[in-house]
Protein backbone atom coordinates (compact mmCIF):
# COMPACT_ATOMS: atom_id res chain seq x y z
CA MET A 1 0.03 0.07 -0.27
CA MET A 2 3.04 2.67 -0.11
CA PRO A 3 1.99 5.60 -2.53
CA ALA A 4 3.64 7.07 -5.09
CA GLY A 5 3.64 10.20 -6.70
CA LEU A 6 -0.22 11.62 -6.68
CA GLY A 7 -0.21 15.36 -6.95
CA TRP A 8 -1.99 17.56 -4.84
CA THR A 9 -3.78 17.12 -1.46
CA ILE A 10 -6.91 18.48 0.33
CA ALA A 11 -6.84 18.74 4.25
CA TYR A 12 -10.02 20.52 6.37
CA VAL A 13 -10.15 20.38 10.10
CA ILE A 14 -13.81 20.15 11.60
CA ALA A 15 -14.61 21.94 15.21
CA VAL A 16 -16.65 20.25 17.49
CA ALA A 17 -17.84 20.13 20.89
CA THR A 18 -16.36 17.99 23.05
CA SER A 19 -16.55 18.16 27.11
CA GLY A 20 -17.29 21.55 26.67
CA ARG A 21 -14.19 22.49 24.58
CA VAL A 22 -13.80 22.76 20.95
CA ALA A 23 -11.55 20.64 19.08
CA ASP A 24 -9.78 20.50 15.70
CA THR A 25 -9.81 17.24 13.92
CA VAL A 26 -8.27 17.56 10.34
CA ILE A 27 -9.06 15.21 7.92
CA HIS A 28 -7.48 14.67 4.62
CA GLU A 29 -8.98 14.38 1.40
CA ASP A 30 -6.08 13.17 -0.53
CA TYR A 31 -4.29 9.42 0.17
CA VAL A 32 -1.40 9.84 -0.77
CA ARG A 33 -0.68 12.56 1.66
CA ALA A 34 -2.94 11.42 4.53
CA TYR A 35 -0.67 8.08 4.30
CA GLU A 36 2.64 10.01 4.23
CA ALA A 37 0.92 12.06 7.25
CA ALA A 38 0.25 8.98 9.16
CA ASP A 39 3.22 7.69 7.97
CA ALA A 40 5.32 10.47 9.12
CA ARG A 41 3.75 10.04 12.20
CA GLY A 42 3.54 6.64 13.09
CA ARG A 43 -0.26 6.65 13.33
CA MET A 44 -2.93 4.15 12.00
CA LEU A 45 -4.36 5.71 8.91
CA MET A 46 -8.34 5.40 9.12
CA ILE A 47 -10.11 6.23 6.04
CA ALA A 48 -14.11 6.69 5.42
CA CYS A 49 -14.36 5.12 1.95
CA VAL A 50 -17.56 6.83 1.12
CA GLU A 51 -19.42 7.20 -2.37
CA ASP A 52 -20.33 11.37 -1.80
CA LEU A 53 -18.51 13.70 0.84
CA GLU A 54 -21.97 14.63 1.68
CA GLY A 55 -23.63 12.11 1.65
CA LYS A 56 -25.35 9.80 4.67
CA ALA A 57 -22.06 7.72 4.88
CA ALA A 58 -19.41 10.65 5.20
CA ARG A 59 -21.66 12.71 8.02
CA LYS A 60 -22.19 9.87 10.05
CA TRP A 61 -18.75 9.41 10.51
CA LYS A 62 -17.99 12.50 11.17
CA THR A 63 -20.77 12.49 13.73
CA TRP A 64 -19.32 9.82 15.35
CA LEU A 65 -15.40 11.52 15.12
CA ALA A 66 -17.10 14.21 17.70
CA ASP A 67 -17.85 11.46 20.10
CA ASP A 68 -16.00 11.67 23.17
CA GLN A 69 -15.33 8.09 23.75
CA ILE A 70 -13.94 7.84 20.47
CA ARG A 71 -12.35 10.86 20.05
CA ASN A 72 -10.27 9.94 23.55
CA ILE A 73 -9.47 6.41 21.46
CA LEU A 74 -8.16 8.21 18.41
CA GLY A 75 -6.10 10.27 20.84
CA ASN A 76 -3.14 11.00 18.51
CA GLN A 77 -3.05 7.46 17.43
CA TYR A 78 -5.10 8.04 14.14
CA GLU A 79 -4.64 9.99 11.01
CA LEU A 80 -8.15 10.52 9.19
CA ALA A 81 -8.80 10.38 5.67
CA LEU A 82 -12.61 10.89 3.61
CA LEU A 83 -12.24 9.63 0.51
CA THR A 84 -14.65 8.52 -2.16
CA THR A 85 -14.79 5.24 -3.79
CA ASP A 86 -13.20 6.57 -7.04
CA SER A 87 -10.37 8.45 -5.08
CA PRO A 88 -7.29 8.06 -6.86
CA VAL A 89 -4.52 5.69 -5.07
CA PRO A 90 -1.80 4.60 -6.25
CA SER A 91 -1.44 1.41 -8.41
CA PRO A 92 -0.07 -2.00 -7.40
CA ASP A 93 2.11 -1.66 -10.36
CA GLY A 94 3.31 1.51 -9.31
CA GLU A 95 2.58 3.10 -12.70
CA GLY A 96 -0.44 5.63 -12.56
CA SER A 97 -3.27 5.28 -9.82
CA VAL A 98 -6.46 2.93 -10.27
CA PRO A 99 -9.84 4.01 -7.80
CA LEU A 100 -9.65 3.48 -4.45
CA LEU A 101 -11.66 0.27 -4.18
CA GLU A 102 -10.55 -0.84 -7.55
CA HIS A 103 -6.79 -1.60 -5.58
CA PRO A 104 -6.53 -5.06 -4.51
CA GLY A 105 -5.49 -4.13 -1.05
CA PHE A 106 -9.16 -3.15 -0.44
CA ALA A 107 -10.73 -6.16 -1.96
CA HIS A 108 -12.53 -7.61 0.96
CA LEU A 109 -14.78 -4.69 0.84
CA HIS A 110 -16.05 -6.09 -2.26
CA GLY A 111 -16.68 -2.81 -3.64
CA GLU A 112 -18.52 -1.34 -1.21
CA PRO A 113 -18.07 1.99 0.60
CA GLY A 114 -16.86 1.58 4.37
CA ILE A 115 -14.14 2.49 7.09
CA ILE A 116 -10.16 1.07 6.20
CA MET A 117 -7.29 1.21 8.25
CA ILE A 118 -3.86 1.14 7.03
CA ASP A 119 -0.77 0.36 9.68
CA LEU A 120 1.74 2.52 9.53
CA THR A 121 2.42 2.77 13.39
CA GLY A 122 5.74 0.81 13.01
CA ARG A 123 5.70 -0.92 16.04
CA ASN A 124 4.91 -4.41 13.68
CA GLU A 125 6.36 -5.84 11.04
CA SER A 126 3.82 -8.47 10.00
CA SER A 127 1.31 -5.67 9.72
CA TYR A 128 3.49 -2.63 8.29
CA GLU A 129 1.92 -0.65 5.70
CA LYS A 130 -0.67 -3.18 5.28
CA VAL A 131 -4.88 -3.49 5.40
CA VAL A 132 -5.01 -4.36 8.80
CA PHE A 133 -9.21 -3.86 9.16
CA LEU A 134 -12.08 -2.94 6.67
CA TYR A 135 -15.57 -2.96 7.19
CA PRO A 136 -18.51 -1.75 5.27
CA PHE A 137 -21.05 0.98 5.89
CA GLU A 138 -24.40 -1.05 5.15
CA GLY A 139 -25.02 -4.43 4.77
CA ARG A 140 -25.82 -7.48 7.32
CA TYR A 141 -22.81 -6.62 9.04
CA HIS A 142 -21.73 -2.57 8.98
CA ALA A 143 -20.71 -0.26 11.33
CA THR A 144 -21.92 1.36 13.88
CA ARG A 145 -20.57 3.77 16.42
CA GLU A 146 -20.51 1.28 19.33
CA ASN A 147 -18.65 -1.55 17.12
CA LEU A 148 -16.36 1.72 15.55
CA ILE A 149 -14.94 1.67 19.16
CA GLU A 150 -14.00 -2.15 19.24
CA MET A 151 -13.03 -0.89 15.93
CA LEU A 152 -10.19 1.43 17.41
CA LYS A 153 -9.29 -0.55 20.47
CA LEU A 154 -8.00 -3.98 18.53
CA PRO A 155 -4.52 -4.79 19.40
CA LEU A 156 -1.86 -4.37 16.36
CA GLY A 157 -1.89 -7.42 14.05
CA THR A 158 -3.10 -8.29 10.53
CA LEU A 159 -6.19 -8.46 9.09
CA THR A 160 -7.33 -11.52 9.23
CA GLN A 161 -6.11 -11.58 13.20
CA ARG A 162 -7.93 -8.08 14.19
CA MET A 163 -11.23 -9.71 11.69
CA LEU A 164 -11.65 -12.54 13.94
CA ILE A 165 -10.84 -10.96 17.22
CA PHE A 166 -13.26 -8.18 16.27
CA ALA A 167 -15.65 -10.85 15.40
CA VAL A 168 -15.57 -12.28 19.06
CA ARG A 169 -15.08 -8.74 20.74
CA VAL A 170 -18.65 -7.58 19.04
CA HIS A 171 -20.77 -10.62 19.60
CA GLU A 172 -24.18 -9.93 20.83
CA ASP A 173 -23.44 -12.64 24.15
CA ASP A 174 -20.42 -10.49 24.98
CA PRO A 175 -17.44 -12.95 25.40
CA ARG A 176 -14.93 -12.27 27.45
CA SER A 177 -11.50 -14.43 26.05
CA ALA A 178 -10.36 -11.34 23.67
CA ASP A 179 -10.43 -8.72 26.50
CA SER A 180 -7.14 -9.49 27.56
CA GLU A 181 -3.72 -9.45 26.18
CA ALA A 182 -3.25 -10.39 22.20
CA LEU A 183 0.35 -12.91 23.14
CA PRO A 184 2.87 -13.11 20.41
CA LEU A 185 3.34 -16.81 21.14
CA LEU A 186 -0.41 -17.33 20.61
CA VAL A 187 -1.09 -15.21 17.96
CA ASN A 188 1.87 -17.05 16.27
CA ALA A 189 0.41 -20.12 17.20
CA ALA A 190 -3.37 -19.38 15.83
CA GLN A 191 -2.21 -18.26 12.84
CA SER A 192 -0.07 -21.34 12.17
CA HIS A 193 -2.78 -23.89 12.51
CA ALA A 194 -5.08 -21.67 10.99
CA GLN A 195 -3.06 -21.99 7.93
CA TYR A 196 -2.22 -25.95 8.71
CA GLN A 197 -6.25 -26.03 8.59
CA ALA A 198 -6.42 -24.13 4.88
CA ASP A 199 -3.85 -25.94 3.59
CA ILE A 200 -5.05 -29.43 4.46
CA GLN A 201 -8.74 -28.43 4.19
CA LEU A 202 -9.98 -29.82 7.01
CA GLN A 203 -10.99 -28.26 10.50
CA GLY A 204 -9.28 -29.85 13.80
CA HIS A 205 -7.18 -29.96 16.62
CA HIS A 206 -4.99 -31.77 14.73
CA HIS A 207 -1.47 -32.21 16.52
CA TRP A 208 -2.77 -30.72 19.59
CA GLU A 209 -1.16 -32.89 22.14
CA ARG A 210 2.39 -31.88 21.08
CA ARG A 211 1.68 -28.47 20.48
CA PHE A 212 -0.01 -28.33 24.03
CA GLN A 213 3.25 -29.33 25.24
CA GLU A 214 5.10 -26.63 23.29
CA LEU A 215 2.58 -24.07 24.26
CA LEU A 216 2.61 -24.88 28.01
CA ALA A 217 6.41 -25.16 28.49
CA GLU A 218 6.65 -21.51 26.56
CA LEU A 219 3.84 -20.07 29.00
CA PRO A 220 4.10 -18.44 32.44
CA ASP A 221 3.61 -21.73 35.30
CA ASP A 222 0.35 -20.63 36.27
CA VAL A 223 -1.67 -21.15 33.29
CA MET A 224 -2.20 -23.21 30.64
CA PRO A 225 -3.38 -23.32 26.78
CA TYR A 226 -6.59 -24.17 24.92
CA GLU A 227 -7.57 -24.30 21.25
CA VAL A 228 -11.02 -23.54 20.00
CA CYS A 229 -11.06 -24.39 15.98
CA ALA A 230 -14.41 -23.19 13.36
CA GLU A 231 -15.18 -23.29 9.74
CA SER A 232 -16.91 -20.92 7.66
CA TRP A 233 -19.30 -21.85 4.77
CA PRO A 234 -17.61 -22.13 1.46
CA GLY A 235 -17.25 -18.50 -0.26
CA GLU A 236 -18.05 -16.73 2.50
CA THR A 237 -16.72 -12.87 2.69
CA LEU A 238 -13.57 -12.53 5.32
CA ILE A 239 -16.14 -10.61 7.29
CA GLU A 240 -18.68 -12.89 6.91
CA ALA A 241 -16.28 -16.11 7.86
CA ALA A 242 -15.09 -14.10 10.68
CA HIS A 243 -18.24 -13.53 12.19
CA GLU A 244 -19.73 -16.73 11.33
CA CYS A 245 -16.90 -18.70 13.51
CA VAL A 246 -17.78 -17.02 16.41
CA HIS A 247 -21.66 -18.50 15.66
CA SER A 248 -20.18 -22.01 15.42
CA TRP A 249 -18.19 -21.43 18.40
CA ARG A 250 -21.45 -20.49 20.18
CA GLN A 251 -23.01 -23.32 19.10
CA SER A 252 -20.98 -25.69 21.37
CA SER A 253 -20.92 -25.63 25.10
CA GLY A 254 -17.33 -26.81 25.36
CA HIS A 255 -16.12 -24.15 22.80
CA TRP A 256 -18.31 -21.34 23.80
CA GLN A 257 -17.14 -21.53 27.18
CA ARG A 258 -13.63 -21.02 26.69
CA VAL A 259 -14.54 -18.03 23.96
CA ALA A 260 -17.00 -16.28 26.50
CA SER A 261 -14.63 -16.93 29.97
CA LYS A 262 -11.72 -14.57 30.86
CA THR A 263 -8.28 -15.40 29.47
CA ARG A 264 -4.92 -14.04 31.01
CA PHE A 265 -3.54 -14.11 26.90
CA TYR A 266 -4.95 -15.11 23.24
CA GLY A 267 -4.44 -15.50 19.62
CA TYR A 268 -7.29 -15.71 17.09
CA ASP A 269 -6.20 -16.10 13.16
CA MET A 270 -8.21 -17.42 10.36
CA LYS A 271 -7.08 -18.40 6.88
CA ARG A 272 -8.66 -19.06 3.42
CA GLY A 273 -8.18 -22.69 1.96
CA SER A 274 -8.63 -22.70 -1.70
CA ASN A 275 -11.87 -24.51 -1.20
CA GLY A 276 -13.25 -21.15 -0.32
CA ILE A 277 -13.36 -22.13 3.14
CA TRP A 278 -11.92 -20.05 6.06
CA TYR A 279 -10.74 -21.94 8.99
CA GLY A 280 -10.84 -19.95 12.10
CA THR A 281 -8.13 -20.67 15.05
CA GLY A 282 -8.22 -19.26 18.73
CA ILE A 283 -5.46 -20.07 21.17
CA LEU A 284 -6.09 -19.28 25.16
CA ALA A 285 -4.30 -18.99 27.71
CA ILE A 286 -6.40 -19.69 30.88
CA ASP A 287 -5.71 -19.84 34.72
CA ARG A 288 -4.38 -23.37 36.23
CA ASP A 289 -7.30 -23.32 38.59
CA VAL A 290 -10.27 -22.01 36.24
CA ASP A 291 -13.15 -25.29 36.70
CA PHE A 292 -14.28 -25.91 33.21
């Protein structure tokens, strides 16, 4: 997603009253300059991709930005941009530009307006300069004020990791397993096993006895790992599949007991097989004295 040479910029400031004061929020209207500003400041770039800069989605997004709770989370951690679906962004081959929603980096929006996040913090090698979240403004699963708060609070990580964590956190039954710390050990283990299931196109706790012992040896003495696995229906989008995996866990009392419970650490990820099925994995570190 590294930008290359797209001319001029527009940025504007909206003044909103928050807690009795007026605060200024800079919102870019040029992709490259927004990207460069976020990269220079080590921030996450959040883009509202809309059909009309004065339309319903744009107005809704700017209203959310005026919310005290959202502004407190944003702090100085995010650079903001408001772009149309056909705004020019650098072409993947570095030659010229393409309309924003035609860029393959945003393919998981499937041509629909929505929120996009790109990690330019420089704090996570696996996600730096990559799209790490996107979510549509309309449809079965769509952005709201409440779930925007959860989007902004997601830990650093890849798109698939953050999408599955998000789906856990926004589930209507308020599971708690992703409220703790995303531990790199468990994140990497979840990524590896999700990829393995996708590669063999078979869901399951394959080789868990060996993997359990390896994780146990690396975790603090007073916690132990548990694993939950799920798969989507064939042909589901990334966003649909993430919610479907959590829904699948909700249907299993054993899995849900673990997903719903507090953890010391966690890792979640999901990968798509060549069969069009997404395979989700959660690896959760739970206190040894917890009685299931």
